[in-house]
Amino acid sequence: MMNQLIQECEAFVKEELRHDASGHDWHHIQRVRSLSVQIAKNEQSGDLYLIELASLLHDIPDEKLNGSEEAGYEKLKGWFREKKVPQDLAGQLEGIIRAIPFKGGNNTGILSQEAKIVQDADRLDAIGAIGIARTFAYGGKKGQPLYDPELSIRADMTLEEYRSGKSSSLHHFYEKLLKLKDLLHTETARNLAIERQIFMEAFLKQFYKEWNV
């Protein structure tokens, strides 16, 4: 039953995200899933079944990929109903998924160990070389410029300001990506983040060098 639900979950997520060009595609999901399992095993912590399902489903209700957050969670709950997922399991998964997004630093609260692990995995995929590629993919999809030196780096944003305020892909490094390493929960994730952080810092240095010719 457990393996069957994971297989059905895979098929659902692949279908839902197969046309994504914003960096939230099936390959992102697979990386987060793999990192989540790796972290859980290294830390010897968390329920692997919950972690794997939550990592697979974590972007299904994302408001960036749906008309609204409410519409996204209705899609998730609709799949739970269709697959007759037990209410307690569905509730646990929804709780983990709601805890994962960054939301401009506004998504705070007490996290379960499973939520910490999946959040760490998702944040690792937002930094390093992959994180850089995803940032510019999402910025292009959103219609943001690569960089606008006349814009200021935003701080202490509301969720609405974070989602809809004027910014650039390069500003996103300072508004989110460079902050993530210090927000990770597990030692495994923190160790994996070191190389990725150094790579991002080197990229920014080279970017400014080329920009200011």
N, C-alpha and C. Protein backbone atom coordinates (compact mmCIF):
# COMPACT_ATOMS: atom_id res chain seq x y z
N MET A 1 0.83 -1.21 0.00
CA MET A 1 0.00 0.00 0.00
C MET A 1 0.87 1.26 0.00
N MET A 2 1.94 1.26 0.83
CA MET A 2 2.81 2.43 0.92
C MET A 2 3.51 2.68 -0.41
N ASN A 3 4.09 1.64 -1.00
CA ASN A 3 4.78 1.79 -2.28
C ASN A 3 3.82 2.18 -3.39
N GLN A 4 2.60 1.64 -3.34
CA GLN A 4 1.60 1.96 -4.36
C GLN A 4 1.25 3.44 -4.32
N LEU A 5 1.07 3.99 -3.12
CA LEU A 5 0.72 5.40 -3.01
C LEU A 5 1.87 6.29 -3.50
N ILE A 6 3.09 5.90 -3.22
CA ILE A 6 4.24 6.67 -3.71
C ILE A 6 4.29 6.64 -5.24
N GLN A 7 4.03 5.48 -5.84
CA GLN A 7 4.02 5.37 -7.30
C GLN A 7 2.90 6.22 -7.91
N GLU A 8 1.72 6.19 -7.29
CA GLU A 8 0.61 7.01 -7.78
C GLU A 8 0.91 8.50 -7.61
N CYS A 9 1.60 8.82 -6.53
CA CYS A 9 2.00 10.20 -6.27
C CYS A 9 2.99 10.67 -7.34
N GLU A 10 3.95 9.84 -7.67
CA GLU A 10 4.91 10.17 -8.73
C GLU A 10 4.20 10.48 -10.04
N ALA A 11 3.26 9.63 -10.43
CA ALA A 11 2.55 9.81 -11.69
C ALA A 11 1.76 11.12 -11.68
N PHE A 12 1.11 11.42 -10.57
CA PHE A 12 0.32 12.65 -10.42
C PHE A 12 1.21 13.88 -10.56
N VAL A 13 2.32 13.89 -9.85
CA VAL A 13 3.20 15.06 -9.84
C VAL A 13 3.86 15.25 -11.22
N LYS A 14 4.29 14.15 -11.84
CA LYS A 14 4.87 14.25 -13.18
C LYS A 14 3.90 14.90 -14.15
N GLU A 15 2.65 14.48 -14.09
CA GLU A 15 1.63 15.02 -14.99
C GLU A 15 1.37 16.50 -14.70
N GLU A 16 1.27 16.85 -13.43
CA GLU A 16 0.96 18.23 -13.06
C GLU A 16 2.07 19.20 -13.45
N LEU A 17 3.31 18.76 -13.36
CA LEU A 17 4.44 19.69 -13.54
C LEU A 17 5.18 19.47 -14.86
N ARG A 18 4.62 18.68 -15.75
CA ARG A 18 5.37 18.30 -16.95
C ARG A 18 5.65 19.47 -17.90
N HIS A 19 4.84 20.55 -17.84
CA HIS A 19 5.06 21.68 -18.73
C HIS A 19 5.71 22.86 -18.02
N ASP A 20 6.15 22.68 -16.79
CA ASP A 20 6.69 23.80 -16.03
C ASP A 20 8.02 24.28 -16.61
N ALA A 21 8.17 25.60 -16.70
CA ALA A 21 9.43 26.19 -17.18
C ALA A 21 9.95 27.22 -16.19
N SER A 22 9.48 27.12 -14.94
CA SER A 22 9.85 28.12 -13.93
C SER A 22 10.87 27.60 -12.93
N GLY A 23 11.35 26.37 -13.15
CA GLY A 23 12.28 25.78 -12.19
C GLY A 23 11.60 24.92 -11.15
N HIS A 24 10.29 24.71 -11.31
CA HIS A 24 9.53 23.87 -10.38
C HIS A 24 9.02 22.61 -11.10
N ASP A 25 9.85 22.07 -11.96
CA ASP A 25 9.48 20.92 -12.77
C ASP A 25 9.73 19.60 -12.03
N TRP A 26 9.48 18.49 -12.73
CA TRP A 26 9.65 17.17 -12.12
C TRP A 26 11.09 16.93 -11.69
N HIS A 27 12.05 17.47 -12.42
CA HIS A 27 13.46 17.25 -12.07
C HIS A 27 13.78 17.93 -10.73
N HIS A 28 13.20 19.10 -10.49
CA HIS A 28 13.35 19.75 -9.18
C HIS A 28 12.76 18.85 -8.09
N ILE A 29 11.60 18.31 -8.34
CA ILE A 29 10.95 17.43 -7.35
C ILE A 29 11.83 16.23 -7.04
N GLN A 30 12.39 15.62 -8.07
CA GLN A 30 13.25 14.45 -7.89
C GLN A 30 14.50 14.80 -7.07
N ARG A 31 15.07 15.97 -7.33
CA ARG A 31 16.25 16.36 -6.55
C ARG A 31 15.89 16.58 -5.08
N VAL A 32 14.77 17.25 -4.84
CA VAL A 32 14.34 17.49 -3.46
C VAL A 32 14.04 16.17 -2.76
N ARG A 33 13.42 15.27 -3.47
CA ARG A 33 13.14 13.94 -2.90
C ARG A 33 14.43 13.22 -2.53
N SER A 34 15.39 13.22 -3.45
CA SER A 34 16.66 12.53 -3.21
C SER A 34 17.41 13.17 -2.04
N LEU A 35 17.46 14.50 -2.02
CA LEU A 35 18.14 15.20 -0.92
C LEU A 35 17.44 14.95 0.41
N SER A 36 16.11 14.93 0.39
CA SER A 36 15.34 14.68 1.62
C SER A 36 15.67 13.31 2.21
N VAL A 37 15.68 12.30 1.36
CA VAL A 37 15.99 10.94 1.81
C VAL A 37 17.43 10.87 2.32
N GLN A 38 18.36 11.51 1.60
CA GLN A 38 19.76 11.53 2.01
C GLN A 38 19.92 12.19 3.39
N ILE A 39 19.26 13.33 3.58
CA ILE A 39 19.35 14.04 4.87
C ILE A 39 18.76 13.19 5.98
N ALA A 40 17.57 12.62 5.74
CA ALA A 40 16.90 11.81 6.76
C ALA A 40 17.77 10.63 7.19
N LYS A 41 18.38 9.97 6.21
CA LYS A 41 19.22 8.81 6.53
C LYS A 41 20.49 9.22 7.27
N ASN A 42 21.10 10.31 6.83
CA ASN A 42 22.31 10.78 7.51
C ASN A 42 22.02 11.23 8.94
N GLU A 43 20.90 11.88 9.11
CA GLU A 43 20.53 12.40 10.43
C GLU A 43 19.86 11.32 11.30
N GLN A 44 19.49 10.19 10.65
CA GLN A 44 18.76 9.12 11.34
C GLN A 44 17.55 9.71 12.07
N SER A 45 16.77 10.47 11.30
CA SER A 45 15.67 11.20 11.90
C SER A 45 14.51 11.31 10.92
N GLY A 46 13.29 11.35 11.46
CA GLY A 46 12.11 11.56 10.64
C GLY A 46 11.53 10.27 10.08
N ASP A 47 10.27 10.35 9.67
CA ASP A 47 9.54 9.24 9.07
C ASP A 47 9.78 9.29 7.56
N LEU A 48 10.50 8.31 7.04
CA LEU A 48 10.89 8.33 5.62
C LEU A 48 9.68 8.33 4.68
N TYR A 49 8.64 7.64 5.06
CA TYR A 49 7.44 7.58 4.21
C TYR A 49 6.81 8.96 4.10
N LEU A 50 6.65 9.65 5.22
CA LEU A 50 6.11 11.01 5.21
C LEU A 50 7.03 11.95 4.43
N ILE A 51 8.32 11.81 4.64
CA ILE A 51 9.30 12.68 4.00
C ILE A 51 9.26 12.51 2.49
N GLU A 52 9.18 11.27 2.03
CA GLU A 52 9.18 11.03 0.58
C GLU A 52 7.91 11.55 -0.06
N LEU A 53 6.77 11.29 0.55
CA LEU A 53 5.50 11.78 -0.01
C LEU A 53 5.45 13.31 0.01
N ALA A 54 5.87 13.91 1.12
CA ALA A 54 5.81 15.38 1.22
C ALA A 54 6.76 16.03 0.22
N SER A 55 7.93 15.44 0.03
CA SER A 55 8.87 16.01 -0.94
C SER A 55 8.32 15.90 -2.36
N LEU A 56 7.62 14.82 -2.67
CA LEU A 56 7.01 14.68 -3.99
C LEU A 56 5.88 15.70 -4.21
N LEU A 57 5.11 15.97 -3.17
CA LEU A 57 3.92 16.81 -3.31
C LEU A 57 4.14 18.28 -2.98
N HIS A 58 5.34 18.66 -2.55
CA HIS A 58 5.49 19.97 -1.91
C HIS A 58 5.19 21.16 -2.82
N ASP A 59 5.32 21.02 -4.14
CA ASP A 59 5.04 22.15 -5.03
C ASP A 59 3.64 22.10 -5.65
N ILE A 60 2.89 21.04 -5.41
CA ILE A 60 1.55 20.95 -5.99
C ILE A 60 0.66 22.13 -5.58
N PRO A 61 0.64 22.53 -4.28
CA PRO A 61 -0.23 23.64 -3.91
C PRO A 61 0.43 25.02 -3.99
N ASP A 62 1.66 25.09 -4.48
CA ASP A 62 2.39 26.36 -4.49
C ASP A 62 1.58 27.43 -5.22
N GLU A 63 1.37 28.56 -4.56
CA GLU A 63 0.55 29.61 -5.16
C GLU A 63 1.17 30.16 -6.44
N LYS A 64 2.50 30.05 -6.60
CA LYS A 64 3.15 30.52 -7.83
C LYS A 64 2.73 29.68 -9.02
N LEU A 65 2.29 28.46 -8.79
CA LEU A 65 1.93 27.54 -9.88
C LEU A 65 0.42 27.36 -10.01
N ASN A 66 -0.33 28.08 -9.19
CA ASN A 66 -1.79 27.97 -9.19
C ASN A 66 -2.39 29.39 -9.18
N GLY A 67 -3.67 29.46 -9.38
CA GLY A 67 -4.32 30.76 -9.36
C GLY A 67 -4.22 31.45 -8.01
N SER A 68 -4.19 30.65 -6.97
CA SER A 68 -4.09 31.16 -5.60
C SER A 68 -3.63 30.03 -4.70
N GLU A 69 -3.26 30.38 -3.47
CA GLU A 69 -2.89 29.35 -2.50
C GLU A 69 -4.06 28.43 -2.22
N GLU A 70 -5.26 29.02 -2.12
CA GLU A 70 -6.46 28.22 -1.84
C GLU A 70 -6.71 27.21 -2.96
N ALA A 71 -6.56 27.65 -4.21
CA ALA A 71 -6.76 26.74 -5.35
C ALA A 71 -5.72 25.63 -5.33
N GLY A 72 -4.49 25.96 -4.96
CA GLY A 72 -3.43 24.96 -4.90
C GLY A 72 -3.72 23.90 -3.86
N TYR A 73 -4.18 24.33 -2.67
CA TYR A 73 -4.46 23.34 -1.62
C TYR A 73 -5.72 22.54 -1.92
N GLU A 74 -6.64 23.12 -2.67
CA GLU A 74 -7.80 22.33 -3.08
C GLU A 74 -7.39 21.23 -4.06
N LYS A 75 -6.43 21.54 -4.92
CA LYS A 75 -5.89 20.51 -5.84
C LYS A 75 -5.26 19.38 -5.05
N LEU A 76 -4.44 19.74 -4.04
CA LEU A 76 -3.79 18.73 -3.21
C LEU A 76 -4.83 17.89 -2.47
N LYS A 77 -5.81 18.54 -1.87
CA LYS A 77 -6.84 17.81 -1.11
C LYS A 77 -7.70 16.96 -2.04
N GLY A 78 -7.90 17.43 -3.26
CA GLY A 78 -8.65 16.65 -4.24
C GLY A 78 -7.94 15.34 -4.56
N TRP A 79 -6.60 15.40 -4.66
CA TRP A 79 -5.84 14.17 -4.91
C TRP A 79 -5.92 13.25 -3.70
N PHE A 80 -5.84 13.80 -2.50
CA PHE A 80 -5.99 12.99 -1.29
C PHE A 80 -7.33 12.26 -1.31
N ARG A 81 -8.39 12.99 -1.67
CA ARG A 81 -9.73 12.36 -1.69
C ARG A 81 -9.81 11.29 -2.76
N GLU A 82 -9.26 11.59 -3.95
CA GLU A 82 -9.31 10.63 -5.06
C GLU A 82 -8.59 9.33 -4.70
N LYS A 83 -7.47 9.44 -4.01
CA LYS A 83 -6.67 8.26 -3.65
C LYS A 83 -7.05 7.67 -2.29
N LYS A 84 -8.09 8.27 -1.68
CA LYS A 84 -8.57 7.79 -0.37
C LYS A 84 -7.43 7.74 0.65
N VAL A 85 -6.62 8.80 0.64
CA VAL A 85 -5.53 8.90 1.62
C VAL A 85 -6.16 9.09 3.00
N PRO A 86 -5.78 8.27 3.99
CA PRO A 86 -6.36 8.41 5.33
C PRO A 86 -6.23 9.84 5.85
N GLN A 87 -7.26 10.28 6.56
CA GLN A 87 -7.33 11.68 6.98
C GLN A 87 -6.12 12.11 7.82
N ASP A 88 -5.67 11.22 8.70
CA ASP A 88 -4.53 11.60 9.54
C ASP A 88 -3.25 11.76 8.72
N LEU A 89 -3.04 10.89 7.72
CA LEU A 89 -1.88 11.00 6.84
C LEU A 89 -1.98 12.26 5.99
N ALA A 90 -3.16 12.52 5.44
CA ALA A 90 -3.35 13.73 4.63
C ALA A 90 -3.07 14.98 5.46
N GLY A 91 -3.53 14.98 6.70
CA GLY A 91 -3.30 16.13 7.58
C GLY A 91 -1.82 16.33 7.88
N GLN A 92 -1.12 15.23 8.12
CA GLN A 92 0.32 15.33 8.38
C GLN A 92 1.06 15.87 7.17
N LEU A 93 0.72 15.37 5.99
CA LEU A 93 1.38 15.82 4.76
C LEU A 93 1.10 17.29 4.48
N GLU A 94 -0.14 17.70 4.65
CA GLU A 94 -0.48 19.10 4.43
C GLU A 94 0.28 20.00 5.40
N GLY A 95 0.40 19.57 6.65
CA GLY A 95 1.14 20.35 7.64
C GLY A 95 2.60 20.53 7.26
N ILE A 96 3.23 19.47 6.78
CA ILE A 96 4.62 19.55 6.35
C ILE A 96 4.75 20.50 5.17
N ILE A 97 3.86 20.34 4.18
CA ILE A 97 3.94 21.13 2.95
C ILE A 97 3.71 22.62 3.23
N ARG A 98 2.79 22.93 4.13
CA ARG A 98 2.52 24.33 4.47
C ARG A 98 3.72 24.99 5.16
N ALA A 99 4.54 24.19 5.81
CA ALA A 99 5.69 24.73 6.56
C ALA A 99 6.91 25.00 5.69
N ILE A 100 6.93 24.49 4.46
CA ILE A 100 8.15 24.51 3.65
C ILE A 100 8.46 25.85 3.00
N PRO A 101 7.50 26.58 2.40
CA PRO A 101 7.85 27.77 1.62
C PRO A 101 8.54 28.87 2.43
N PHE A 102 9.36 29.64 1.73
CA PHE A 102 10.11 30.74 2.34
C PHE A 102 9.20 31.95 2.60
N LYS A 103 8.40 32.32 1.59
CA LYS A 103 7.43 33.41 1.69
C LYS A 103 8.05 34.71 2.20
N GLY A 104 9.21 35.04 1.65
CA GLY A 104 9.86 36.28 2.03
C GLY A 104 10.35 36.31 3.45
N GLY A 105 10.51 35.12 4.04
CA GLY A 105 10.93 35.04 5.44
C GLY A 105 9.78 35.14 6.41
N ASN A 106 8.55 35.13 5.88
CA ASN A 106 7.36 35.29 6.73
C ASN A 106 6.76 33.97 7.20
N ASN A 107 7.25 32.86 6.68
CA ASN A 107 6.68 31.56 7.04
C ASN A 107 7.45 30.99 8.22
N THR A 108 7.07 31.40 9.42
CA THR A 108 7.77 30.98 10.62
C THR A 108 6.85 30.15 11.51
N GLY A 109 7.43 29.40 12.38
CA GLY A 109 6.65 28.56 13.29
C GLY A 109 7.43 27.31 13.65
N ILE A 110 6.83 26.51 14.51
CA ILE A 110 7.47 25.27 14.93
C ILE A 110 7.29 24.21 13.84
N LEU A 111 8.39 23.61 13.43
CA LEU A 111 8.36 22.62 12.36
C LEU A 111 8.58 21.22 12.94
N SER A 112 7.90 20.25 12.35
CA SER A 112 8.18 18.85 12.67
C SER A 112 9.54 18.49 12.09
N GLN A 113 10.10 17.35 12.53
CA GLN A 113 11.39 16.93 11.98
C GLN A 113 11.27 16.66 10.49
N GLU A 114 10.15 16.11 10.06
CA GLU A 114 9.95 15.85 8.63
C GLU A 114 9.92 17.15 7.83
N ALA A 115 9.24 18.16 8.37
CA ALA A 115 9.17 19.47 7.69
C ALA A 115 10.55 20.11 7.62
N LYS A 116 11.33 20.00 8.68
CA LYS A 116 12.69 20.55 8.67
C LYS A 116 13.53 19.90 7.57
N ILE A 117 13.40 18.59 7.43
CA ILE A 117 14.21 17.86 6.45
C ILE A 117 13.82 18.22 5.03
N VAL A 118 12.51 18.22 4.73
CA VAL A 118 12.07 18.55 3.37
C VAL A 118 12.34 20.02 3.06
N GLN A 119 12.16 20.89 4.04
CA GLN A 119 12.47 22.30 3.82
C GLN A 119 13.96 22.49 3.52
N ASP A 120 14.81 21.81 4.28
CA ASP A 120 16.25 21.88 4.02
C ASP A 120 16.58 21.42 2.59
N ALA A 121 15.97 20.33 2.16
CA ALA A 121 16.23 19.81 0.81
C ALA A 121 15.76 20.79 -0.25
N ASP A 122 14.59 21.37 -0.05
CA ASP A 122 14.05 22.34 -1.00
C ASP A 122 14.95 23.58 -1.07
N ARG A 123 15.46 24.00 0.07
CA ARG A 123 16.32 25.18 0.10
C ARG A 123 17.69 24.90 -0.50
N LEU A 124 18.19 23.68 -0.34
CA LEU A 124 19.45 23.32 -1.00
C LEU A 124 19.31 23.41 -2.52
N ASP A 125 18.14 23.04 -3.03
CA ASP A 125 17.94 23.09 -4.48
C ASP A 125 17.71 24.51 -4.98
N ALA A 126 17.60 25.46 -4.05
CA ALA A 126 17.44 26.87 -4.42
C ALA A 126 18.77 27.62 -4.43
N ILE A 127 19.86 26.92 -4.06
CA ILE A 127 21.17 27.58 -4.04
C ILE A 127 22.16 26.78 -4.88
N GLY A 128 23.37 27.32 -5.04
CA GLY A 128 24.37 26.66 -5.87
C GLY A 128 24.08 26.86 -7.36
N ALA A 129 24.70 26.05 -8.20
CA ALA A 129 24.55 26.18 -9.65
C ALA A 129 23.10 25.98 -10.08
N ILE A 130 22.44 24.96 -9.53
CA ILE A 130 21.04 24.72 -9.85
C ILE A 130 20.18 25.89 -9.39
N GLY A 131 20.47 26.40 -8.21
CA GLY A 131 19.71 27.54 -7.70
C GLY A 131 19.83 28.76 -8.58
N ILE A 132 21.05 29.01 -9.10
CA ILE A 132 21.25 30.13 -10.01
C ILE A 132 20.41 29.94 -11.28
N ALA A 133 20.48 28.74 -11.86
CA ALA A 133 19.70 28.47 -13.07
C ALA A 133 18.20 28.63 -12.83
N ARG A 134 17.72 28.12 -11.69
CA ARG A 134 16.30 28.21 -11.37
C ARG A 134 15.88 29.66 -11.13
N THR A 135 16.75 30.45 -10.53
CA THR A 135 16.43 31.85 -10.28
C THR A 135 16.19 32.61 -11.57
N PHE A 136 17.06 32.42 -12.54
CA PHE A 136 16.90 33.14 -13.80
C PHE A 136 15.76 32.56 -14.64
N ALA A 137 15.51 31.27 -14.52
CA ALA A 137 14.35 30.68 -15.21
C ALA A 137 13.05 31.28 -14.66
N TYR A 138 12.96 31.35 -13.32
CA TYR A 138 11.74 31.89 -12.72
C TYR A 138 11.61 33.39 -12.98
N GLY A 139 12.72 34.11 -12.90
CA GLY A 139 12.68 35.54 -13.18
C GLY A 139 12.21 35.84 -14.59
N GLY A 140 12.70 35.06 -15.56
CA GLY A 140 12.25 35.23 -16.94
C GLY A 140 10.78 34.92 -17.10
N LYS A 141 10.33 33.85 -16.45
CA LYS A 141 8.92 33.47 -16.50
C LYS A 141 8.05 34.58 -15.92
N LYS A 142 8.55 35.23 -14.88
CA LYS A 142 7.81 36.29 -14.19
C LYS A 142 7.92 37.64 -14.88
N GLY A 143 8.85 37.75 -15.85
CA GLY A 143 9.03 39.00 -16.57
C GLY A 143 9.94 39.99 -15.87
N GLN A 144 10.80 39.47 -14.97
CA GLN A 144 11.73 40.35 -14.27
C GLN A 144 13.01 40.54 -15.09
N PRO A 145 13.68 41.69 -14.94
CA PRO A 145 14.98 41.87 -15.59
C PRO A 145 16.04 41.00 -14.93
N LEU A 146 17.12 40.72 -15.66
CA LEU A 146 18.25 40.02 -15.05
C LEU A 146 18.74 40.81 -13.84
N TYR A 147 18.93 42.12 -14.06
CA TYR A 147 19.48 42.98 -13.01
C TYR A 147 19.12 44.42 -13.34
N ASP A 148 18.76 45.18 -12.36
CA ASP A 148 18.50 46.61 -12.51
C ASP A 148 19.21 47.31 -11.36
N PRO A 149 20.37 47.93 -11.63
CA PRO A 149 21.14 48.54 -10.54
C PRO A 149 20.43 49.70 -9.86
N GLU A 150 19.37 50.21 -10.46
CA GLU A 150 18.63 51.31 -9.84
C GLU A 150 17.67 50.83 -8.75
N LEU A 151 17.41 49.54 -8.72
CA LEU A 151 16.53 48.99 -7.69
C LEU A 151 17.30 48.77 -6.39
N SER A 152 16.61 48.91 -5.28
CA SER A 152 17.21 48.65 -3.97
C SER A 152 16.94 47.22 -3.55
N ILE A 153 17.81 46.68 -2.72
CA ILE A 153 17.58 45.35 -2.13
C ILE A 153 16.50 45.51 -1.07
N ARG A 154 15.46 44.71 -1.18
CA ARG A 154 14.32 44.83 -0.27
C ARG A 154 14.57 44.01 1.00
N ALA A 155 14.12 44.56 2.13
CA ALA A 155 14.25 43.86 3.41
C ALA A 155 12.94 43.99 4.17
N ASP A 156 12.70 43.06 5.09
CA ASP A 156 11.50 43.09 5.93
C ASP A 156 10.23 43.26 5.11
N MET A 157 10.09 42.40 4.11
CA MET A 157 8.94 42.48 3.21
C MET A 157 7.74 41.71 3.76
N THR A 158 6.56 42.20 3.45
CA THR A 158 5.36 41.40 3.64
C THR A 158 5.35 40.34 2.54
N LEU A 159 4.48 39.34 2.69
CA LEU A 159 4.38 38.31 1.65
C LEU A 159 3.96 38.93 0.33
N GLU A 160 3.02 39.87 0.35
CA GLU A 160 2.56 40.52 -0.88
C GLU A 160 3.69 41.30 -1.54
N GLU A 161 4.50 42.00 -0.74
CA GLU A 161 5.64 42.73 -1.28
C GLU A 161 6.66 41.78 -1.89
N TYR A 162 6.89 40.66 -1.22
CA TYR A 162 7.84 39.66 -1.71
C TYR A 162 7.37 39.07 -3.04
N ARG A 163 6.07 38.79 -3.13
CA ARG A 163 5.54 38.17 -4.34
C ARG A 163 5.40 39.17 -5.49
N SER A 164 4.96 40.39 -5.20
CA SER A 164 4.53 41.30 -6.27
C SER A 164 5.37 42.55 -6.41
N GLY A 165 6.28 42.83 -5.46
CA GLY A 165 7.08 44.03 -5.55
C GLY A 165 8.09 43.99 -6.69
N LYS A 166 8.57 45.17 -7.07
CA LYS A 166 9.50 45.26 -8.19
C LYS A 166 10.89 44.79 -7.76
N SER A 167 11.46 43.88 -8.53
CA SER A 167 12.77 43.34 -8.20
C SER A 167 13.42 42.82 -9.47
N SER A 168 14.61 42.22 -9.34
CA SER A 168 15.29 41.59 -10.47
C SER A 168 15.79 40.23 -10.02
N SER A 169 16.19 39.42 -10.98
CA SER A 169 16.69 38.09 -10.64
C SER A 169 17.93 38.19 -9.76
N LEU A 170 18.80 39.15 -10.03
CA LEU A 170 20.00 39.27 -9.21
C LEU A 170 19.67 39.73 -7.79
N HIS A 171 18.70 40.62 -7.66
CA HIS A 171 18.28 41.05 -6.32
C HIS A 171 17.77 39.87 -5.49
N HIS A 172 17.22 38.87 -6.17
CA HIS A 172 16.68 37.69 -5.47
C HIS A 172 17.76 36.96 -4.68
N PHE A 173 19.00 37.06 -5.12
CA PHE A 173 20.10 36.44 -4.37
C PHE A 173 20.17 37.03 -2.97
N TYR A 174 20.04 38.35 -2.88
CA TYR A 174 20.18 39.04 -1.59
C TYR A 174 18.89 38.98 -0.77
N GLU A 175 17.77 38.87 -1.45
CA GLU A 175 16.47 38.85 -0.77
C GLU A 175 16.10 37.45 -0.27
N LYS A 176 16.76 36.42 -0.84
CA LYS A 176 16.45 35.06 -0.40
C LYS A 176 17.67 34.12 -0.41
N LEU A 177 18.26 33.90 -1.57
CA LEU A 177 19.20 32.78 -1.73
C LEU A 177 20.38 32.81 -0.78
N LEU A 178 21.00 33.97 -0.61
CA LEU A 178 22.18 34.05 0.25
C LEU A 178 21.84 33.92 1.73
N LYS A 179 20.55 34.02 2.06
CA LYS A 179 20.11 33.88 3.45
C LYS A 179 19.88 32.42 3.84
N LEU A 180 19.68 31.57 2.85
CA LEU A 180 19.17 30.22 3.13
C LEU A 180 20.15 29.34 3.91
N LYS A 181 21.43 29.46 3.63
CA LYS A 181 22.42 28.60 4.32
C LYS A 181 22.29 28.71 5.84
N ASP A 182 22.07 29.92 6.32
CA ASP A 182 22.00 30.14 7.77
C ASP A 182 20.63 29.79 8.36
N LEU A 183 19.70 29.41 7.50
CA LEU A 183 18.36 29.04 7.97
C LEU A 183 18.12 27.53 7.95
N LEU A 184 19.15 26.76 7.54
CA LEU A 184 19.00 25.32 7.46
C LEU A 184 19.00 24.70 8.86
N HIS A 185 18.29 23.59 9.00
CA HIS A 185 18.08 22.98 10.31
C HIS A 185 19.05 21.85 10.63
N THR A 186 19.46 21.09 9.61
CA THR A 186 20.23 19.87 9.86
C THR A 186 21.70 20.07 9.52
N GLU A 187 22.54 19.35 10.23
CA GLU A 187 23.98 19.43 9.97
C GLU A 187 24.31 18.93 8.57
N THR A 188 23.61 17.89 8.12
CA THR A 188 23.83 17.36 6.78
C THR A 188 23.60 18.44 5.73
N ALA A 189 22.48 19.14 5.83
CA ALA A 189 22.16 20.20 4.86
C ALA A 189 23.15 21.35 4.95
N ARG A 190 23.52 21.72 6.17
CA ARG A 190 24.48 22.82 6.33
C ARG A 190 25.82 22.49 5.67
N ASN A 191 26.24 21.25 5.80
CA ASN A 191 27.50 20.83 5.16
C ASN A 191 27.38 20.85 3.63
N LEU A 192 26.24 20.40 3.12
CA LEU A 192 26.03 20.41 1.67
C LEU A 192 25.93 21.83 1.12
N ALA A 193 25.50 22.75 1.96
CA ALA A 193 25.28 24.13 1.51
C ALA A 193 26.57 24.91 1.33
N ILE A 194 27.64 24.50 1.99
CA ILE A 194 28.88 25.29 1.99
C ILE A 194 29.41 25.51 0.57
N GLU A 195 29.55 24.43 -0.18
CA GLU A 195 30.08 24.53 -1.55
C GLU A 195 29.14 25.36 -2.43
N ARG A 196 27.85 25.16 -2.25
CA ARG A 196 26.86 25.89 -3.06
C ARG A 196 26.91 27.39 -2.76
N GLN A 197 27.08 27.75 -1.50
CA GLN A 197 27.17 29.15 -1.13
C GLN A 197 28.41 29.80 -1.74
N ILE A 198 29.52 29.12 -1.68
CA ILE A 198 30.77 29.64 -2.25
C ILE A 198 30.60 29.85 -3.76
N PHE A 199 29.93 28.91 -4.42
CA PHE A 199 29.71 29.02 -5.87
C PHE A 199 28.86 30.24 -6.20
N MET A 200 27.81 30.47 -5.43
CA MET A 200 26.94 31.64 -5.68
C MET A 200 27.71 32.94 -5.48
N GLU A 201 28.52 33.00 -4.45
CA GLU A 201 29.30 34.22 -4.18
C GLU A 201 30.29 34.48 -5.32
N ALA A 202 30.91 33.41 -5.83
CA ALA A 202 31.84 33.55 -6.96
C ALA A 202 31.09 34.00 -8.21
N PHE A 203 29.90 33.46 -8.42
CA PHE A 203 29.09 33.86 -9.57
C PHE A 203 28.76 35.34 -9.51
N LEU A 204 28.34 35.83 -8.35
CA LEU A 204 27.98 37.25 -8.21
C LEU A 204 29.20 38.14 -8.48
N LYS A 205 30.34 37.75 -7.98
CA LYS A 205 31.57 38.52 -8.20
C LYS A 205 31.87 38.62 -9.69
N GLN A 206 31.74 37.49 -10.40
CA GLN A 206 31.99 37.47 -11.84
C GLN A 206 30.93 38.25 -12.61
N PHE A 207 29.67 38.15 -12.16
CA PHE A 207 28.57 38.87 -12.80
C PHE A 207 28.85 40.37 -12.79
N TYR A 208 29.19 40.91 -11.62
CA TYR A 208 29.44 42.35 -11.50
C TYR A 208 30.66 42.76 -12.32
N LYS A 209 31.66 41.88 -12.37
CA LYS A 209 32.86 42.17 -13.17
C LYS A 209 32.51 42.33 -14.64
N GLU A 210 31.63 41.44 -15.13
CA GLU A 210 31.23 41.49 -16.54
C GLU A 210 30.23 42.61 -16.79
N TRP A 211 29.37 42.89 -15.81
CA TRP A 211 28.36 43.93 -15.97
C TRP A 211 29.02 45.30 -16.08
N ASN A 212 30.04 45.52 -15.28
CA ASN A 212 30.66 46.83 -15.19
C ASN A 212 31.89 46.96 -16.08
N VAL A 213 31.74 46.54 -17.32
CA VAL A 213 32.89 46.63 -18.26
C VAL A 213 33.09 48.08 -18.71
